Protein backbone atom coordinates (compact mmCIF):
# COMPACT_ATOMS: atom_id res chain seq x y z
CA UNK A 1 17.82 -48.77 -14.99
CA UNK A 2 14.54 -50.70 -15.05
CA UNK A 3 13.81 -49.62 -18.64
CA UNK A 4 17.27 -50.77 -19.73
CA UNK A 5 16.75 -54.16 -18.10
CA UNK A 6 13.33 -54.45 -19.71
CA UNK A 7 14.87 -53.87 -23.15
CA UNK A 8 17.66 -56.34 -22.39
CA UNK A 9 15.25 -59.10 -21.32
CA UNK A 10 12.98 -58.49 -24.30
CA UNK A 11 15.90 -58.86 -26.69
CA UNK A 12 17.25 -61.88 -24.78
CA UNK A 13 13.85 -63.60 -24.80
CA UNK A 14 13.51 -63.02 -28.57
CA UNK A 15 16.98 -64.37 -29.34
CA UNK A 16 16.51 -67.42 -27.12
CA UNK A 17 13.11 -68.12 -28.67
CA UNK A 18 14.59 -68.04 -32.15
CA UNK A 19 17.46 -70.24 -31.05
CA UNK A 20 15.18 -72.78 -29.40
CA UNK A 21 12.79 -72.85 -32.36
CA UNK A 22 15.63 -73.43 -34.83
CA UNK A 23 17.01 -76.27 -32.73
CA UNK A 24 13.81 -77.87 -31.45
CA UNK A 25 14.28 -81.05 -33.47
CA UNK A 26 17.88 -81.48 -32.34
CA UNK A 27 16.95 -80.82 -28.73
CA UNK A 28 14.09 -83.31 -28.90
CA UNK A 29 16.50 -86.00 -30.07
CA UNK A 30 18.91 -85.08 -27.29
CA UNK A 31 16.21 -85.41 -24.64
CA UNK A 32 15.10 -88.81 -25.87
CA UNK A 33 18.64 -90.21 -25.94
CA UNK A 34 19.83 -88.70 -22.66
CA UNK A 35 18.99 -89.10 -19.01
CA UNK A 36 17.40 -85.67 -18.83
CA UNK A 37 14.45 -85.62 -16.39
CA UNK A 38 10.80 -85.35 -17.27
CA UNK A 39 10.76 -81.71 -16.17
CA UNK A 40 12.50 -80.77 -19.42
CA UNK A 41 9.85 -82.44 -21.61
CA UNK A 42 6.22 -81.61 -22.34
CA UNK A 43 3.57 -82.80 -19.90
CA UNK A 44 3.28 -82.53 -16.16
CA UNK A 45 1.64 -83.61 -12.91
CA UNK A 46 -0.70 -82.38 -10.19
CA UNK A 47 -0.49 -83.36 -6.51
CA UNK A 48 -3.27 -82.48 -4.06
CA UNK A 49 -3.08 -83.19 -0.35
CA UNK A 50 -4.60 -82.46 3.04
CA UNK A 51 -3.26 -82.79 6.55
CA UNK A 52 -1.66 -81.09 9.54
CA UNK A 53 0.64 -78.05 9.44
CA UNK A 54 2.52 -76.37 12.29
CA UNK A 55 4.22 -73.20 11.12
CA UNK A 56 6.01 -70.58 13.21
CA UNK A 57 7.34 -67.32 11.79
CA UNK A 58 8.35 -63.85 13.05
CA UNK A 59 5.77 -62.29 10.71
CA UNK A 60 2.79 -62.86 12.99
CA UNK A 61 1.08 -65.48 10.77
CA UNK A 62 1.56 -68.70 12.75
CA UNK A 63 -0.54 -71.58 11.48
CA UNK A 64 -1.34 -74.71 13.50
CA UNK A 65 -3.97 -77.20 12.37
CA UNK A 66 -5.61 -78.37 9.16
CA UNK A 67 -4.00 -77.33 5.86
CA UNK A 68 -4.37 -78.06 2.15
CA UNK A 69 -1.23 -78.84 0.16
CA UNK A 70 -0.81 -78.64 -3.57
CA UNK A 71 1.97 -78.71 -6.13
CA UNK A 72 2.15 -79.19 -9.86
CA UNK A 73 3.96 -78.47 -13.07
CA UNK A 74 2.98 -78.48 -16.73
CA UNK A 75 5.18 -77.74 -19.73
CA UNK A 76 3.92 -77.27 -23.27
CA UNK A 77 5.77 -78.59 -26.30
CA UNK A 78 6.91 -75.06 -27.19
CA UNK A 79 8.79 -74.78 -23.87
CA UNK A 80 6.35 -72.60 -21.92
CA UNK A 81 5.61 -73.92 -18.44
CA UNK A 82 3.79 -73.16 -15.21
CA UNK A 83 4.66 -74.31 -11.70
CA UNK A 84 3.05 -73.98 -8.29
CA UNK A 85 4.27 -75.48 -5.04
CA UNK A 86 3.01 -75.57 -1.49
CA UNK A 87 4.16 -78.54 0.52
CA UNK A 88 7.08 -80.92 0.94
CA UNK A 89 10.06 -81.58 -1.30
CA UNK A 90 9.85 -78.07 -2.75
CA UNK A 91 12.99 -75.96 -3.01
CA UNK A 92 11.20 -72.81 -4.16
CA UNK A 93 7.64 -72.35 -2.93
CA UNK A 94 5.06 -70.22 -4.71
CA UNK A 95 3.74 -69.88 -8.24
CA UNK A 96 5.98 -69.29 -11.24
CA UNK A 97 5.89 -69.37 -15.03
CA UNK A 98 8.65 -69.44 -17.60
CA UNK A 99 10.14 -70.61 -20.87
CA UNK A 100 12.47 -73.61 -21.13
CA UNK A 101 14.81 -72.56 -23.96
CA UNK A 102 17.71 -75.02 -23.72
CA UNK A 103 18.35 -78.57 -22.48
CA UNK A 104 21.54 -80.65 -22.32
CA UNK A 105 22.22 -84.11 -20.95
CA UNK A 106 22.25 -82.86 -17.36
CA UNK A 107 21.07 -79.24 -17.38
CA UNK A 108 17.94 -77.31 -18.26
CA UNK A 109 17.89 -73.51 -18.71
CA UNK A 110 14.79 -71.36 -18.29
CA UNK A 111 13.66 -67.77 -18.56
CA UNK A 112 11.88 -67.72 -15.20
CA UNK A 113 9.25 -65.44 -13.61
CA UNK A 114 8.99 -66.07 -9.87
CA UNK A 115 7.59 -64.64 -6.66
CA UNK A 116 10.59 -63.01 -4.95
CA UNK A 117 8.62 -61.97 -1.84
CA UNK A 118 5.12 -62.63 -0.57
CA UNK A 119 2.50 -60.34 0.96
CA UNK A 120 3.26 -58.54 4.23
CA UNK A 121 0.53 -57.10 6.47
CA UNK A 122 0.75 -54.40 9.13
CA UNK A 123 -1.88 -53.07 11.51
CA UNK A 124 -1.38 -49.59 12.98
CA UNK A 125 -3.40 -47.68 15.61
CA UNK A 126 -3.46 -43.88 15.77
CA UNK A 127 -5.50 -41.21 17.46
CA UNK A 128 -8.53 -40.41 15.36
CA UNK A 129 -8.86 -36.85 14.09
CA UNK A 130 -12.36 -37.16 12.70
CA UNK A 131 -11.12 -37.16 9.09
CA UNK A 132 -9.55 -39.54 6.63
CA UNK A 133 -6.20 -37.82 7.10
CA UNK A 134 -4.32 -40.97 8.09
CA UNK A 135 -5.39 -42.92 5.03
CA UNK A 136 -4.69 -39.92 2.83
CA UNK A 137 -1.16 -39.60 4.19
CA UNK A 138 -0.41 -43.28 3.60
CA UNK A 139 -1.85 -43.04 0.09
CA UNK A 140 0.50 -40.15 -0.69
CA UNK A 141 3.40 -42.59 -0.45
CA UNK A 142 2.22 -43.90 -3.85
CA UNK A 143 2.93 -47.53 -3.05
CA UNK A 144 1.48 -49.18 -6.13
CA UNK A 145 1.10 -52.64 -4.58
CA UNK A 146 -0.26 -51.40 -1.25
CA UNK A 147 -3.89 -51.57 -0.16
CA UNK A 148 -5.31 -49.85 2.91
CA UNK A 149 -8.28 -51.25 4.82
CA UNK A 150 -10.18 -50.00 7.88
CA UNK A 151 -10.06 -52.65 10.59
CA UNK A 152 -12.29 -50.90 13.11
CA UNK A 153 -12.81 -47.53 14.76
CA UNK A 154 -12.89 -47.08 18.53
CA UNK A 155 -13.20 -44.04 20.74
CA UNK A 156 -10.03 -41.97 20.38
CA UNK A 157 -8.45 -44.47 17.96
CA UNK A 158 -8.13 -45.04 14.26
CA UNK A 159 -6.92 -48.43 13.13
CA UNK A 160 -5.87 -49.39 9.60
CA UNK A 161 -4.39 -52.47 7.99
CA UNK A 162 -1.72 -51.98 5.36
CA UNK A 163 -0.91 -54.71 2.86
CA UNK A 164 2.38 -54.70 0.96
CA UNK A 165 1.73 -56.92 -2.03
CA UNK A 166 3.86 -59.61 -3.66
CA UNK A 167 6.95 -58.83 -5.71
CA UNK A 168 7.47 -60.82 -8.91
CA UNK A 169 10.82 -60.86 -10.68
CA UNK A 170 12.18 -62.09 -14.00
CA UNK A 171 15.49 -63.86 -14.45
CA UNK A 172 17.32 -66.99 -15.53
CA UNK A 173 17.16 -70.43 -13.91
CA UNK A 174 19.62 -73.29 -14.38
CA UNK A 175 18.77 -76.76 -13.03
CA UNK A 176 21.21 -79.67 -13.01
CA UNK A 177 20.22 -83.34 -12.65
CA UNK A 178 22.85 -85.87 -11.54
CA UNK A 179 21.24 -89.21 -10.63
CA UNK A 180 19.70 -88.55 -7.18
CA UNK A 181 21.18 -85.07 -6.79
CA UNK A 182 19.61 -81.84 -8.01
CA UNK A 183 21.31 -78.44 -8.29
CA UNK A 184 19.42 -75.23 -9.02
CA UNK A 185 20.52 -71.62 -9.46
CA UNK A 186 18.34 -68.54 -10.05
CA UNK A 187 19.44 -65.00 -10.86
CA UNK A 188 16.60 -62.44 -11.22
CA UNK A 189 17.58 -58.77 -11.80
CA UNK A 190 14.25 -57.38 -13.04
CA UNK A 191 11.35 -56.50 -10.72
CA UNK A 192 7.73 -55.82 -11.70
CA UNK A 193 7.18 -53.87 -8.47
CA UNK A 194 7.12 -50.13 -9.25
CA UNK A 195 7.72 -49.23 -5.59
CA UNK A 196 11.47 -49.74 -6.02
CA UNK A 197 13.90 -49.82 -8.92
CA UNK A 198 17.14 -51.67 -8.17
CA UNK A 199 15.85 -54.99 -6.83
CA UNK A 200 17.92 -58.16 -7.21
CA UNK A 201 17.10 -61.76 -6.26
CA UNK A 202 19.27 -64.88 -6.37
CA UNK A 203 19.14 -68.39 -4.95
CA UNK A 204 21.21 -71.59 -4.94
CA UNK A 205 19.98 -75.04 -3.90
CA UNK A 206 21.21 -78.61 -3.64
CA UNK A 207 18.80 -81.50 -3.07
CA UNK A 208 19.39 -85.22 -2.53
CA UNK A 209 16.87 -88.09 -2.59
CA UNK A 210 17.07 -91.83 -2.03
CA UNK A 211 14.65 -94.75 -2.19
CA UNK A 212 14.13 -97.57 0.34
CA UNK A 213 11.39 -99.88 -1.00
CA UNK A 214 8.20 -97.75 -1.03
CA UNK A 215 9.80 -95.04 1.12
CA UNK A 216 11.42 -92.02 -0.50
CA UNK A 217 13.64 -89.80 1.63
CA UNK A 218 14.94 -86.41 0.62
CA UNK A 219 16.91 -83.49 2.00
CA UNK A 220 17.84 -80.08 0.65
CA UNK A 221 19.68 -76.95 1.65
CA UNK A 222 19.61 -73.56 -0.05
CA UNK A 223 20.51 -69.89 0.22
CA UNK A 224 18.29 -67.00 -0.92
CA UNK A 225 19.56 -63.46 -1.46
CA UNK A 226 17.33 -60.37 -1.64
CA UNK A 227 18.74 -56.92 -2.28
CA UNK A 228 18.47 -53.94 0.04
CA UNK A 229 15.60 -52.39 -1.96
CA UNK A 230 13.39 -55.45 -1.39
CA UNK A 231 14.18 -55.75 2.33
CA UNK A 232 13.73 -52.03 2.97
CA UNK A 233 10.35 -52.03 1.20
CA UNK A 234 8.88 -54.85 3.29
CA UNK A 235 10.55 -54.49 6.69
CA UNK A 236 11.19 -50.79 7.20
CA UNK A 237 8.42 -48.45 8.38
CA UNK A 238 9.00 -45.46 6.11
CA UNK A 239 5.45 -45.67 4.71
CA UNK A 240 3.99 -44.72 8.10
CA UNK A 241 2.96 -41.05 8.31
CA UNK A 242 3.69 -40.77 12.04
CA UNK A 243 7.43 -40.98 11.41
CA UNK A 244 8.69 -37.47 10.70
CA UNK A 245 12.14 -38.57 9.57
CA UNK A 246 12.96 -41.28 7.07
CA UNK A 247 14.55 -44.31 8.71
CA UNK A 248 17.97 -45.60 7.56
CA UNK A 249 17.78 -48.00 4.64
CA UNK A 250 17.98 -51.68 5.58
CA UNK A 251 20.72 -53.99 4.32
CA UNK A 252 20.26 -56.91 1.95
CA UNK A 253 19.42 -60.37 3.31
CA UNK A 254 20.80 -63.88 2.89
CA UNK A 255 18.46 -66.54 4.30
CA UNK A 256 19.59 -70.17 4.71
CA UNK A 257 16.99 -72.96 4.47
CA UNK A 258 17.31 -76.67 5.29
CA UNK A 259 14.63 -79.31 4.71
CA UNK A 260 14.18 -83.02 5.35
CA UNK A 261 11.23 -85.16 4.38
CA UNK A 262 9.82 -88.57 3.57
CA UNK A 263 6.98 -89.96 1.47
CA UNK A 264 5.43 -93.43 1.35
CA UNK A 265 3.36 -94.84 -1.51
CA UNK A 266 0.61 -96.95 0.12
CA UNK A 267 -1.66 -97.29 -2.95
CA UNK A 268 -1.65 -96.38 -6.60
CA UNK A 269 -1.31 -92.58 -6.85
CA UNK A 270 -1.67 -92.16 -3.06
CA UNK A 271 1.13 -90.88 -0.81
CA UNK A 272 1.75 -90.30 2.85
CA UNK A 273 4.11 -87.34 3.29
CA UNK A 274 5.90 -85.59 6.11
CA UNK A 275 8.53 -82.86 6.13
CA UNK A 276 10.28 -80.28 8.28
CA UNK A 277 11.62 -77.03 6.83
CA UNK A 278 13.69 -74.48 8.77
CA UNK A 279 14.90 -71.07 7.58
CA UNK A 280 17.54 -69.05 9.38
CA UNK A 281 16.62 -65.43 8.71
CA UNK A 282 19.14 -62.71 8.05
CA UNK A 283 19.92 -60.15 10.77
CA UNK A 284 18.75 -57.38 8.43
CA UNK A 285 15.24 -58.85 8.69
CA UNK A 286 15.29 -59.79 12.38
CA UNK A 287 16.68 -56.39 13.41
CA UNK A 288 14.30 -54.42 11.18
CA UNK A 289 11.78 -52.01 12.76
CA UNK A 290 8.75 -54.02 11.66
CA UNK A 291 9.96 -57.35 13.09
CA UNK A 292 11.16 -55.69 16.31
CA UNK A 293 7.72 -54.09 16.69
CA UNK A 294 5.94 -57.39 16.14
CA UNK A 295 8.26 -59.13 18.59
CA UNK A 296 7.57 -56.51 21.27
CA UNK A 297 3.83 -57.04 20.85
CA UNK A 298 3.54 -60.79 20.29
CA UNK A 299 6.90 -62.25 21.45
CA UNK A 300 7.38 -63.83 18.02
CA UNK A 301 10.13 -66.31 17.07
CA UNK A 302 13.34 -65.38 15.23
CA UNK A 303 13.08 -68.08 12.54
CA UNK A 304 10.70 -69.45 9.93
CA UNK A 305 9.88 -73.16 10.31
CA UNK A 306 7.12 -75.59 9.44
CA UNK A 307 6.32 -79.24 10.11
CA UNK A 308 3.64 -81.13 8.17
CA UNK A 309 1.88 -84.48 7.86
CA UNK A 310 -0.29 -85.05 4.79
CA UNK A 311 -2.09 -87.55 2.59
CA UNK A 312 -1.72 -86.69 -1.11
CA UNK A 313 -3.08 -87.89 -4.42
CA UNK A 314 -0.99 -87.56 -7.59
CA UNK A 315 -2.72 -87.13 -10.96
């Protein structure tokens, strides 16, 4: 299936490139005469900030204290672009690249490569047998994006840290701009992670912003879907050699995220920003073996939320 999708996306990308190239002059005129946003034109911005972050998650990576924030976007005249986002007023965090192949008065359409899931870390403790048998057994699982590190060795114990790497996926993105309202839809059926084959990612967002003098307020709500293959890879424990039987496959997930925030321009290019983001996690994640294990050890929360205060400079 993955090879068929690869062929389909290659052909689609070629056709869209030819279409965009043949109509670049017409599209340029359309952009100039319409109310299309700057995101559909060449150029970009970079925002760097520093401040306070309080993040709580069920993944065992709580963060409270100083944090750097950064976001930016740059699009070349040929339609290729790069984006990275870590901070407020972001509806899809992470780094992504893509190709903007079509623009209308209110919509832009992209071939989009995004991060569908971030890194996940596990630490396991076993009885030591005086050999590298444990690491060998984990390596036999042939997880291409997995690294295994020794954490320490104590009497009668062997401890390892397993990292399940990021999953990047390719799909289509449609973004609609209607005065102060933004709509965005992503459908990504192709995964670059060789550890599973039938991954699927989709998201839908609506965002609203409004201005009161130098204060800008915004809010957004979105839903993110990840297929069973993705959830099972990151939250099941089938890679562990101490489980003699394979655990049942986990269901797909649908996470709901809401965000509110405010920014204040107190000098040229300088901003004060604050935001709160809350994600209600799907039961397939919260009830998974890995999260249940973490909760039993660290009494972790059953949501993903972060609050931040920052001072940022916009280039």
